[in-house]
Amino acid sequence: MPGPRPVPPVQPELEDCCRSGCTPCVFDLYEEALERYERALASWEAAGPAGPAPAQPDPLR
């Protein structure tokens, strides 16, 4: 049974970049974190549901 669903990284704001050519830039770090998240999410989804899906409200009610 998989653990909790992975949480995506928070995308930096444009003003988070100092525009001085840092290596790595905050956007580079975000892209790396996003790739790790996507791999973790794929693994989590492949492991199957952790339990029954929450009930969805009936849109006709």
N, C-alpha and C. Protein backbone atom coordinates (compact mmCIF):
# COMPACT_ATOMS: atom_id res chain seq x y z
N MET A 1 0.86 -1.17 0.00
CA MET A 1 0.00 0.00 0.00
C MET A 1 0.91 1.24 0.00
N PRO A 2 0.69 2.16 -0.96
CA PRO A 2 1.55 3.35 -1.03
C PRO A 2 1.27 4.31 0.12
N GLY A 3 2.25 5.15 0.38
CA GLY A 3 2.09 6.18 1.40
C GLY A 3 1.25 7.32 0.85
N PRO A 4 1.38 8.48 1.46
CA PRO A 4 0.60 9.63 0.99
C PRO A 4 1.02 10.05 -0.42
N ARG A 5 0.09 10.65 -1.13
CA ARG A 5 0.36 11.13 -2.48
C ARG A 5 1.48 12.17 -2.43
N PRO A 6 2.45 12.08 -3.35
CA PRO A 6 3.52 13.09 -3.38
C PRO A 6 2.96 14.49 -3.62
N VAL A 7 3.63 15.46 -3.06
CA VAL A 7 3.20 16.86 -3.17
C VAL A 7 4.12 17.56 -4.16
N PRO A 8 3.55 18.29 -5.13
CA PRO A 8 4.40 18.97 -6.11
C PRO A 8 5.19 20.10 -5.48
N PRO A 9 6.35 20.40 -6.06
CA PRO A 9 7.13 21.52 -5.52
C PRO A 9 6.45 22.84 -5.84
N VAL A 10 6.77 23.85 -5.07
CA VAL A 10 6.21 25.18 -5.28
C VAL A 10 7.07 25.89 -6.33
N GLN A 11 6.41 26.37 -7.38
CA GLN A 11 7.13 27.07 -8.43
C GLN A 11 7.58 28.44 -7.93
N PRO A 12 8.86 28.78 -8.16
CA PRO A 12 9.32 30.09 -7.71
C PRO A 12 8.65 31.21 -8.51
N GLU A 13 8.53 32.36 -7.88
CA GLU A 13 8.01 33.55 -8.55
C GLU A 13 9.14 34.16 -9.38
N LEU A 14 8.79 34.95 -10.38
CA LEU A 14 9.81 35.59 -11.21
C LEU A 14 10.79 36.41 -10.37
N GLU A 15 10.27 37.07 -9.33
CA GLU A 15 11.14 37.90 -8.50
C GLU A 15 12.06 37.08 -7.59
N ASP A 16 11.87 35.76 -7.52
CA ASP A 16 12.76 34.91 -6.74
C ASP A 16 14.11 34.73 -7.43
N CYS A 17 14.17 35.02 -8.71
CA CYS A 17 15.42 34.92 -9.47
C CYS A 17 16.17 36.25 -9.36
N CYS A 18 17.46 36.18 -9.06
CA CYS A 18 18.24 37.42 -8.91
C CYS A 18 18.79 37.92 -10.24
N ARG A 19 18.63 37.13 -11.29
CA ARG A 19 19.06 37.49 -12.65
C ARG A 19 20.55 37.80 -12.74
N SER A 20 21.34 37.12 -11.92
CA SER A 20 22.78 37.34 -11.98
C SER A 20 23.51 36.14 -12.57
N GLY A 21 22.76 35.18 -13.09
CA GLY A 21 23.37 34.01 -13.72
C GLY A 21 23.83 32.95 -12.74
N CYS A 22 23.21 32.89 -11.59
CA CYS A 22 23.57 31.87 -10.58
C CYS A 22 23.46 30.47 -11.18
N THR A 23 24.36 29.61 -10.75
CA THR A 23 24.30 28.21 -11.12
C THR A 23 24.35 27.40 -9.84
N PRO A 24 23.29 26.73 -9.47
CA PRO A 24 22.03 26.64 -10.20
C PRO A 24 21.11 27.80 -9.84
N CYS A 25 20.26 28.13 -10.78
CA CYS A 25 19.23 29.16 -10.58
C CYS A 25 18.06 28.52 -9.82
N VAL A 26 17.27 29.34 -9.15
CA VAL A 26 16.11 28.79 -8.44
C VAL A 26 15.18 28.06 -9.40
N PHE A 27 15.16 28.48 -10.68
CA PHE A 27 14.31 27.80 -11.66
C PHE A 27 14.91 26.46 -12.07
N ASP A 28 16.25 26.34 -12.07
CA ASP A 28 16.90 25.04 -12.32
C ASP A 28 16.55 24.07 -11.19
N LEU A 29 16.63 24.56 -9.96
CA LEU A 29 16.31 23.72 -8.80
C LEU A 29 14.86 23.28 -8.84
N TYR A 30 13.97 24.20 -9.25
CA TYR A 30 12.56 23.85 -9.36
C TYR A 30 12.35 22.77 -10.41
N GLU A 31 13.00 22.89 -11.56
CA GLU A 31 12.86 21.89 -12.62
C GLU A 31 13.33 20.52 -12.14
N GLU A 32 14.42 20.48 -11.39
CA GLU A 32 14.91 19.21 -10.84
C GLU A 32 13.90 18.63 -9.85
N ALA A 33 13.36 19.48 -8.99
CA ALA A 33 12.37 19.03 -8.01
C ALA A 33 11.10 18.55 -8.71
N LEU A 34 10.72 19.22 -9.79
CA LEU A 34 9.53 18.83 -10.54
C LEU A 34 9.73 17.46 -11.18
N GLU A 35 10.92 17.20 -11.72
CA GLU A 35 11.21 15.88 -12.30
C GLU A 35 11.15 14.79 -11.23
N ARG A 36 11.71 15.07 -10.04
CA ARG A 36 11.64 14.09 -8.94
C ARG A 36 10.19 13.84 -8.53
N TYR A 37 9.41 14.91 -8.46
CA TYR A 37 7.99 14.79 -8.10
C TYR A 37 7.26 13.93 -9.13
N GLU A 38 7.48 14.19 -10.41
CA GLU A 38 6.78 13.43 -11.46
C GLU A 38 7.14 11.95 -11.40
N ARG A 39 8.41 11.64 -11.12
CA ARG A 39 8.80 10.23 -10.97
C ARG A 39 8.14 9.62 -9.74
N ALA A 40 8.13 10.36 -8.63
CA ALA A 40 7.51 9.85 -7.40
C ALA A 40 6.01 9.66 -7.59
N LEU A 41 5.37 10.58 -8.30
CA LEU A 41 3.93 10.46 -8.53
C LEU A 41 3.64 9.24 -9.41
N ALA A 42 4.43 9.03 -10.44
CA ALA A 42 4.23 7.86 -11.30
C ALA A 42 4.39 6.57 -10.50
N SER A 43 5.38 6.51 -9.61
CA SER A 43 5.57 5.33 -8.77
C SER A 43 4.39 5.16 -7.82
N TRP A 44 3.94 6.26 -7.25
CA TRP A 44 2.83 6.21 -6.31
C TRP A 44 1.57 5.71 -7.02
N GLU A 45 1.31 6.23 -8.23
CA GLU A 45 0.13 5.80 -8.98
C GLU A 45 0.24 4.34 -9.40
N ALA A 46 1.44 3.88 -9.75
CA ALA A 46 1.63 2.49 -10.15
C ALA A 46 1.44 1.53 -8.98
N ALA A 47 1.68 2.01 -7.76
CA ALA A 47 1.54 1.16 -6.58
C ALA A 47 0.08 0.88 -6.25
N GLY A 48 -0.82 1.65 -6.83
CA GLY A 48 -2.24 1.39 -6.59
C GLY A 48 -2.80 2.31 -5.54
N PRO A 49 -4.10 2.29 -5.41
CA PRO A 49 -4.76 3.17 -4.45
C PRO A 49 -4.46 2.78 -3.01
N ALA A 50 -4.40 3.78 -2.17
CA ALA A 50 -4.16 3.55 -0.74
C ALA A 50 -5.44 3.17 -0.03
N GLY A 51 -6.52 3.24 -0.71
CA GLY A 51 -7.82 2.95 -0.11
C GLY A 51 -8.89 3.41 -1.07
N PRO A 52 -10.13 3.35 -0.64
CA PRO A 52 -11.20 3.79 -1.55
C PRO A 52 -11.08 5.29 -1.84
N ALA A 53 -11.44 5.65 -3.05
CA ALA A 53 -11.42 7.06 -3.45
C ALA A 53 -12.49 7.80 -2.67
N PRO A 54 -12.22 9.05 -2.33
CA PRO A 54 -13.25 9.81 -1.60
C PRO A 54 -14.50 9.96 -2.46
N ALA A 55 -15.63 9.95 -1.83
CA ALA A 55 -16.89 10.08 -2.54
C ALA A 55 -16.98 11.46 -3.16
N GLN A 56 -17.44 11.49 -4.39
CA GLN A 56 -17.61 12.75 -5.10
C GLN A 56 -19.06 13.21 -4.92
N PRO A 57 -19.27 14.49 -4.74
CA PRO A 57 -20.65 14.96 -4.62
C PRO A 57 -21.39 14.78 -5.94
N ASP A 58 -22.67 14.48 -5.84
CA ASP A 58 -23.50 14.32 -7.02
C ASP A 58 -23.81 15.69 -7.59
N PRO A 59 -23.32 16.00 -8.83
CA PRO A 59 -23.54 17.35 -9.38
C PRO A 59 -25.01 17.65 -9.65
N LEU A 60 -25.88 16.64 -9.65
CA LEU A 60 -27.29 16.87 -9.92
C LEU A 60 -28.10 17.16 -8.68
N ARG A 61 -27.48 17.11 -7.54
CA ARG A 61 -28.19 17.36 -6.29
C ARG A 61 -28.02 18.78 -5.86
